[in-house]
Amino acid sequence: MTIETARMRKRELVSEAERLAGSTDWKSTVSRQRSLMEQWKQAGSAGAEDQALWAQFNAARQRFFDALGASQDEARSRKTDLVMRAQFHSDSSEWKATHERMQGLQREWAVTGFAGKSDDDRLWRDFRAAQDRFYKRWDEDRHDNGVKKRDLVSQARNLANPADGDFRRAKDEFRQLMERWKAIGPAPRDKEDHLWRDFQSARDELYFRAQDAHKHRTVEMISKTEQNIAKQEAIIYRTEELISRERDWRSSIGPGGRQYELIAKADAKISELEQTVLKHRGWLDEAVARLGELRSRL
């Protein structure tokens, strides 16, 4: 290659190096700078201009690599800060809020520049280790929550059919289980919905059985109330018959020495029987009203 050809080639390389000096496409430009250097070495001597051309070429390259170093320093500083923030949050138990913070840190990392291979790899390992620590702890917490909720499901199922038939107590205890459920954090995603369905199923069974037991008790009370109504009606009927007979006897009392005594005795008996009728009519009215109220529950 002649001196003139080498001179023209090196001028082209200087021009290309100066164009690349302001590039921020670091990875591809580093590769291109290496290629320019190889081409410079192969271009040969440019004669008297060789030193001046080299000074221009090297200065352009240095501007790029200085900018690359400054960019890497800034990226290293920012990524170091991101690592420290991730490590700070890695011990947090505010799971949802910290998950959102960790995602924000990941987004910041993604737009932060290259810190140089060795530093970038080291910082990334530290960053991922901090995030992995947090998510491992979160997974363990969700596993523990799943165990706790499975225990609540078991307790809820036991309440669904109380041996003593006390559904009011069972409902009160189930409400306490519900409060405990709300206080427990989420279980693993693949188990949370299934556990909740089991818990709801136990609740539905409890309320269904309670309703069925209530209906059964209501039917029994209706039967007893109907029997009571029949009893009160029978007592009233018999008592009214006694009143009728007593009045007939009173009417049959003839004049004589004991007439007024017997009439007074009959009147007292009739009054007593009438009070008995009034008392049982009151009980009958109460029973009829009670029967209507019981039937309205069905």
Protein backbone atom coordinates (compact mmCIF):
# COMPACT_ATOMS: atom_id res chain seq x y z
CA MET A 1 0.00 0.00 0.00
CA THR A 2 1.48 3.36 -1.03
CA ILE A 3 1.96 6.26 1.37
CA GLU A 4 -0.77 8.22 -0.43
CA THR A 5 -3.19 5.29 -0.18
CA ALA A 6 -2.36 4.87 3.51
CA ARG A 7 -2.81 8.61 4.06
CA MET A 8 -6.26 8.58 2.43
CA ARG A 9 -7.27 5.45 4.40
CA LYS A 10 -6.15 6.88 7.73
CA ARG A 11 -7.96 10.16 7.04
CA GLU A 12 -11.11 8.07 6.55
CA LEU A 13 -10.47 6.23 9.82
CA VAL A 14 -9.94 9.55 11.66
CA SER A 15 -13.23 10.83 10.24
CA GLU A 16 -15.02 7.66 11.34
CA ALA A 17 -13.45 7.80 14.84
CA GLU A 18 -14.51 11.43 15.24
CA ARG A 19 -18.05 10.54 14.16
CA LEU A 20 -18.18 7.74 16.74
CA ALA A 21 -16.70 9.86 19.53
CA GLY A 22 -20.13 11.10 20.57
CA SER A 23 -21.94 7.77 20.27
CA THR A 24 -23.78 6.38 23.33
CA ASP A 25 -24.45 3.05 21.70
CA TRP A 26 -21.69 1.71 23.88
CA LYS A 27 -21.62 -1.98 23.02
CA SER A 28 -21.68 -1.71 19.23
CA THR A 29 -19.37 1.33 19.25
CA VAL A 30 -16.73 -0.45 21.37
CA SER A 31 -16.78 -3.24 18.81
CA ARG A 32 -16.49 -0.70 16.00
CA GLN A 33 -13.59 1.10 17.73
CA ARG A 34 -11.69 -2.19 17.96
CA SER A 35 -12.27 -2.73 14.27
CA LEU A 36 -11.01 0.79 13.45
CA MET A 37 -7.83 0.14 15.45
CA GLU A 38 -7.18 -3.07 13.52
CA GLN A 39 -7.75 -1.24 10.25
CA TRP A 40 -5.36 1.55 11.39
CA LYS A 41 -2.63 -0.98 12.05
CA GLN A 42 -3.14 -2.53 8.63
CA ALA A 43 -3.26 0.80 6.77
CA GLY A 44 0.52 1.31 6.81
CA SER A 45 2.53 4.52 7.08
CA ALA A 46 1.05 7.83 5.97
CA GLY A 47 4.43 9.44 5.77
CA ALA A 48 4.88 12.93 7.23
CA GLU A 49 1.20 13.13 8.27
CA ASP A 50 1.26 9.86 10.20
CA GLN A 51 1.85 11.41 13.65
CA ALA A 52 -0.76 14.14 13.17
CA LEU A 53 -3.34 11.67 11.88
CA TRP A 54 -2.61 9.33 14.81
CA ALA A 55 -3.04 12.19 17.27
CA GLN A 56 -6.45 13.02 15.74
CA PHE A 57 -7.46 9.35 15.62
CA ASN A 58 -6.34 8.62 19.18
CA ALA A 59 -7.96 11.81 20.54
CA ALA A 60 -11.30 10.89 18.98
CA ARG A 61 -11.05 7.39 20.40
CA GLN A 62 -10.10 8.77 23.82
CA ARG A 63 -13.13 11.07 23.86
CA PHE A 64 -15.37 8.07 23.28
CA PHE A 65 -13.69 5.89 25.90
CA ASP A 66 -13.66 8.75 28.43
CA ALA A 67 -17.41 9.16 27.88
CA LEU A 68 -17.82 5.39 28.16
CA GLY A 69 -15.89 5.39 31.45
CA ALA A 70 -18.01 8.25 32.82
CA SER A 71 -21.19 6.44 31.74
CA GLN A 72 -20.01 3.23 33.37
CA ASP A 73 -19.11 5.11 36.55
CA GLU A 74 -22.60 6.63 36.66
CA ALA A 75 -24.22 3.25 35.89
CA ARG A 76 -22.07 1.59 38.56
CA SER A 77 -23.13 4.21 41.10
CA ARG A 78 -26.82 3.91 40.20
CA LYS A 79 -26.74 0.11 40.20
CA THR A 80 -24.90 0.07 43.52
CA ASP A 81 -27.70 2.23 44.91
CA LEU A 82 -30.30 -0.12 43.45
CA VAL A 83 -28.55 -3.09 45.08
CA MET A 84 -28.55 -1.33 48.46
CA ARG A 85 -32.24 -0.45 48.15
CA ALA A 86 -33.11 -4.04 47.17
CA GLN A 87 -31.11 -5.36 50.13
CA PHE A 88 -32.87 -2.91 52.45
CA HIS A 89 -36.30 -4.13 51.31
CA SER A 90 -35.36 -7.82 51.24
CA ASP A 91 -36.26 -8.27 54.95
CA SER A 92 -39.60 -6.47 54.71
CA SER A 93 -42.82 -8.33 55.54
CA GLU A 94 -45.06 -5.78 53.83
CA TRP A 95 -45.41 -8.25 51.02
CA LYS A 96 -47.58 -6.48 48.46
CA ALA A 97 -46.05 -3.03 48.92
CA THR A 98 -42.50 -4.44 48.82
CA HIS A 99 -43.32 -6.53 45.75
CA GLU A 100 -44.34 -3.31 44.00
CA ARG A 101 -41.13 -1.62 45.17
CA MET A 102 -39.04 -4.54 43.89
CA GLN A 103 -40.74 -4.32 40.52
CA GLY A 104 -39.97 -0.60 40.45
CA LEU A 105 -36.30 -1.34 41.19
CA GLN A 106 -36.25 -3.86 38.34
CA ARG A 107 -37.64 -1.24 35.96
CA GLU A 108 -34.94 1.22 37.09
CA TRP A 109 -32.27 -1.44 36.57
CA ALA A 110 -33.50 -2.13 33.05
CA VAL A 111 -33.01 1.50 31.97
CA THR A 112 -29.68 1.97 33.77
CA GLY A 113 -26.61 1.77 31.55
CA PHE A 114 -23.78 -0.75 31.44
CA ALA A 115 -21.32 -0.64 34.36
CA GLY A 116 -18.62 -2.74 32.76
CA LYS A 117 -18.76 -6.51 32.53
CA SER A 118 -17.14 -7.51 35.83
CA ASP A 119 -18.92 -4.84 37.89
CA ASP A 120 -22.19 -5.33 36.05
CA ASP A 121 -22.14 -9.10 36.63
CA ARG A 122 -21.25 -8.68 40.30
CA LEU A 123 -23.90 -6.02 40.91
CA TRP A 124 -26.52 -8.06 39.10
CA ARG A 125 -25.76 -11.10 41.24
CA ASP A 126 -26.12 -8.98 44.40
CA PHE A 127 -29.32 -7.39 43.09
CA ARG A 128 -30.89 -10.73 42.21
CA ALA A 129 -29.80 -12.25 45.55
CA ALA A 130 -31.60 -9.49 47.44
CA GLN A 131 -34.74 -9.92 45.37
CA ASP A 132 -34.59 -13.71 45.63
CA ARG A 133 -34.29 -13.44 49.41
CA PHE A 134 -37.45 -11.34 49.60
CA TYR A 135 -39.46 -13.60 47.27
CA LYS A 136 -38.25 -16.73 49.06
CA ARG A 137 -39.46 -15.29 52.36
CA TRP A 138 -42.77 -14.30 50.74
CA ASP A 139 -43.23 -17.82 49.36
CA GLU A 140 -42.53 -19.26 52.83
CA ASP A 141 -45.06 -16.88 54.39
CA ARG A 142 -47.71 -17.84 51.84
CA HIS A 143 -46.97 -21.51 52.52
CA ASP A 144 -47.48 -20.90 56.27
CA ASN A 145 -50.68 -19.01 55.51
CA GLY A 146 -51.90 -21.97 53.48
CA VAL A 147 -51.29 -24.30 56.45
CA LYS A 148 -53.18 -21.93 58.77
CA LYS A 149 -56.10 -21.62 56.37
CA ARG A 150 -56.27 -25.38 55.85
CA ASP A 151 -56.58 -25.70 59.65
CA LEU A 152 -59.42 -23.14 59.64
CA VAL A 153 -61.16 -25.13 56.90
CA SER A 154 -60.92 -28.25 59.09
CA GLN A 155 -62.36 -26.39 62.08
CA ALA A 156 -65.13 -24.92 59.92
CA ARG A 157 -66.09 -28.39 58.70
CA ASN A 158 -66.32 -29.61 62.30
CA LEU A 159 -68.65 -26.72 63.11
CA ALA A 160 -70.94 -27.53 60.18
CA ASN A 161 -72.61 -30.35 62.08
CA PRO A 162 -72.39 -29.65 65.83
CA ALA A 163 -72.86 -32.78 67.92
CA ASP A 164 -74.90 -30.90 70.51
CA GLY A 165 -77.11 -29.32 67.85
CA ASP A 166 -76.27 -25.82 69.12
CA PHE A 167 -76.17 -24.00 65.80
CA ARG A 168 -76.22 -20.57 67.43
CA ARG A 169 -72.93 -21.34 69.17
CA ALA A 170 -71.58 -22.89 65.95
CA LYS A 171 -72.41 -19.72 64.00
CA ASP A 172 -70.73 -17.54 66.62
CA GLU A 173 -67.61 -19.70 66.46
CA PHE A 174 -67.65 -19.63 62.66
CA ARG A 175 -67.74 -15.82 62.72
CA GLN A 176 -64.61 -15.94 64.88
CA LEU A 177 -62.99 -18.25 62.31
CA MET A 178 -63.88 -15.74 59.60
CA GLU A 179 -62.14 -12.94 61.51
CA ARG A 180 -59.05 -15.13 61.87
CA TRP A 181 -59.20 -15.92 58.12
CA LYS A 182 -59.25 -12.22 57.28
CA ALA A 183 -56.23 -11.62 59.52
CA ILE A 184 -54.16 -14.27 57.69
CA GLY A 185 -52.37 -13.17 54.53
CA PRO A 186 -52.72 -14.86 51.15
CA ALA A 187 -51.86 -18.52 50.65
CA PRO A 188 -49.94 -19.66 47.52
CA ARG A 189 -51.78 -18.63 44.38
CA ASP A 190 -52.46 -22.20 43.29
CA LYS A 191 -54.10 -22.96 46.66
CA GLU A 192 -55.82 -19.73 47.76
CA ASP A 193 -58.99 -20.10 45.65
CA HIS A 194 -59.34 -23.80 46.50
CA LEU A 195 -58.99 -23.10 50.24
CA TRP A 196 -61.53 -20.29 50.07
CA ARG A 197 -64.02 -22.49 48.23
CA ASP A 198 -63.60 -25.20 50.91
CA PHE A 199 -64.10 -22.61 53.65
CA GLN A 200 -67.21 -21.22 51.95
CA SER A 201 -68.53 -24.74 51.43
CA ALA A 202 -68.21 -25.47 55.18
CA ARG A 203 -69.98 -22.19 55.93
CA ASP A 204 -72.78 -22.97 53.48
CA GLU A 205 -73.19 -26.45 54.98
CA LEU A 206 -73.39 -24.98 58.50
CA TYR A 207 -76.06 -22.46 57.53
CA PHE A 208 -77.98 -25.06 55.52
CA ARG A 209 -77.99 -27.47 58.46
CA ALA A 210 -78.89 -24.65 60.85
CA GLN A 211 -81.79 -23.66 58.62
CA ASP A 212 -82.91 -27.26 58.32
CA ALA A 213 -82.69 -27.73 62.11
CA HIS A 214 -84.59 -24.50 62.61
CA LYS A 215 -87.29 -25.68 60.22
CA HIS A 216 -87.47 -29.02 62.01
CA ARG A 217 -87.82 -27.29 65.39
CA THR A 218 -90.47 -24.99 63.95
CA VAL A 219 -92.46 -27.95 62.66
CA GLU A 220 -92.22 -29.56 66.09
CA MET A 221 -93.36 -26.34 67.78
CA ILE A 222 -96.26 -26.04 65.32
CA SER A 223 -97.33 -29.58 66.19
CA LYS A 224 -97.12 -28.87 69.94
CA THR A 225 -98.96 -25.58 69.50
CA GLU A 226 -101.73 -27.28 67.51
CA GLN A 227 -102.01 -29.86 70.29
CA ASN A 228 -102.20 -27.07 72.85
CA ILE A 229 -104.94 -25.34 70.83
CA ALA A 230 -106.92 -28.57 70.70
CA LYS A 231 -106.40 -29.01 74.43
CA GLN A 232 -107.57 -25.47 75.23
CA GLU A 233 -110.60 -25.85 72.96
CA ALA A 234 -111.49 -29.14 74.67
CA ILE A 235 -111.17 -27.59 78.14
CA ILE A 236 -113.32 -24.63 77.09
CA TYR A 237 -115.92 -26.95 75.58
CA ARG A 238 -116.10 -29.13 78.69
CA THR A 239 -116.18 -26.11 80.98
CA GLU A 240 -118.98 -24.49 78.99
CA GLU A 241 -120.94 -27.74 79.26
CA LEU A 242 -120.46 -27.61 83.03
CA ILE A 243 -121.67 -24.01 83.04
CA SER A 244 -124.76 -25.02 81.07
CA ARG A 245 -125.53 -27.86 83.50
CA GLU A 246 -124.97 -25.62 86.51
CA ARG A 247 -127.35 -23.04 85.09
CA ASP A 248 -129.95 -25.76 84.45
CA TRP A 249 -129.57 -26.99 88.05
CA ARG A 250 -129.88 -23.40 89.35
CA SER A 251 -133.08 -22.98 87.37
CA SER A 252 -134.47 -26.18 88.93
CA ILE A 253 -134.08 -24.98 92.51
CA GLY A 254 -137.54 -24.68 93.99
CA PRO A 255 -138.77 -22.61 96.90
CA GLY A 256 -137.81 -23.89 100.27
CA GLY A 257 -135.72 -23.24 103.28
CA ARG A 258 -132.35 -23.60 101.47
CA GLN A 259 -133.38 -21.97 98.17
CA TYR A 260 -131.24 -18.86 98.49
CA GLU A 261 -128.26 -20.77 99.82
CA LEU A 262 -128.36 -23.20 96.88
CA ILE A 263 -128.81 -20.38 94.36
CA ALA A 264 -125.84 -18.50 95.83
CA LYS A 265 -123.76 -21.68 95.69
CA ALA A 266 -124.75 -22.24 92.04
CA ASP A 267 -123.94 -18.64 91.11
CA ALA A 268 -120.51 -18.93 92.71
CA LYS A 269 -119.81 -22.13 90.81
CA ILE A 270 -120.97 -20.61 87.52
CA SER A 271 -118.74 -17.55 88.11
CA GLU A 272 -115.76 -19.77 88.84
CA LEU A 273 -116.35 -21.79 85.68
CA GLU A 274 -116.74 -18.63 83.58
CA GLN A 275 -113.40 -17.38 84.92
CA THR A 276 -111.88 -20.69 83.89
CA VAL A 277 -113.30 -20.25 80.37
CA LEU A 278 -111.91 -16.70 80.16
CA LYS A 279 -108.50 -17.89 81.29
CA HIS A 280 -108.37 -20.70 78.75
CA ARG A 281 -109.74 -18.47 75.97
CA GLY A 282 -106.83 -16.13 76.66
CA TRP A 283 -104.41 -19.04 76.40
CA LEU A 284 -106.19 -20.20 73.25
CA ASP A 285 -105.85 -16.75 71.64
CA GLU A 286 -102.14 -16.71 72.49
CA ALA A 287 -101.67 -20.21 71.03
CA VAL A 288 -103.51 -19.26 67.81
CA ALA A 289 -101.34 -16.15 67.42
CA ARG A 290 -98.24 -18.23 68.13
CA LEU A 291 -99.32 -20.79 65.51
CA GLY A 292 -99.65 -18.07 62.89
CA GLU A 293 -96.21 -16.70 63.71
CA LEU A 294 -94.63 -20.18 63.55
CA ARG A 295 -96.26 -20.95 60.20
CA SER A 296 -94.92 -17.68 58.79
CA ARG A 297 -91.35 -18.96 59.39
CA LEU A 298 -91.77 -21.86 56.98
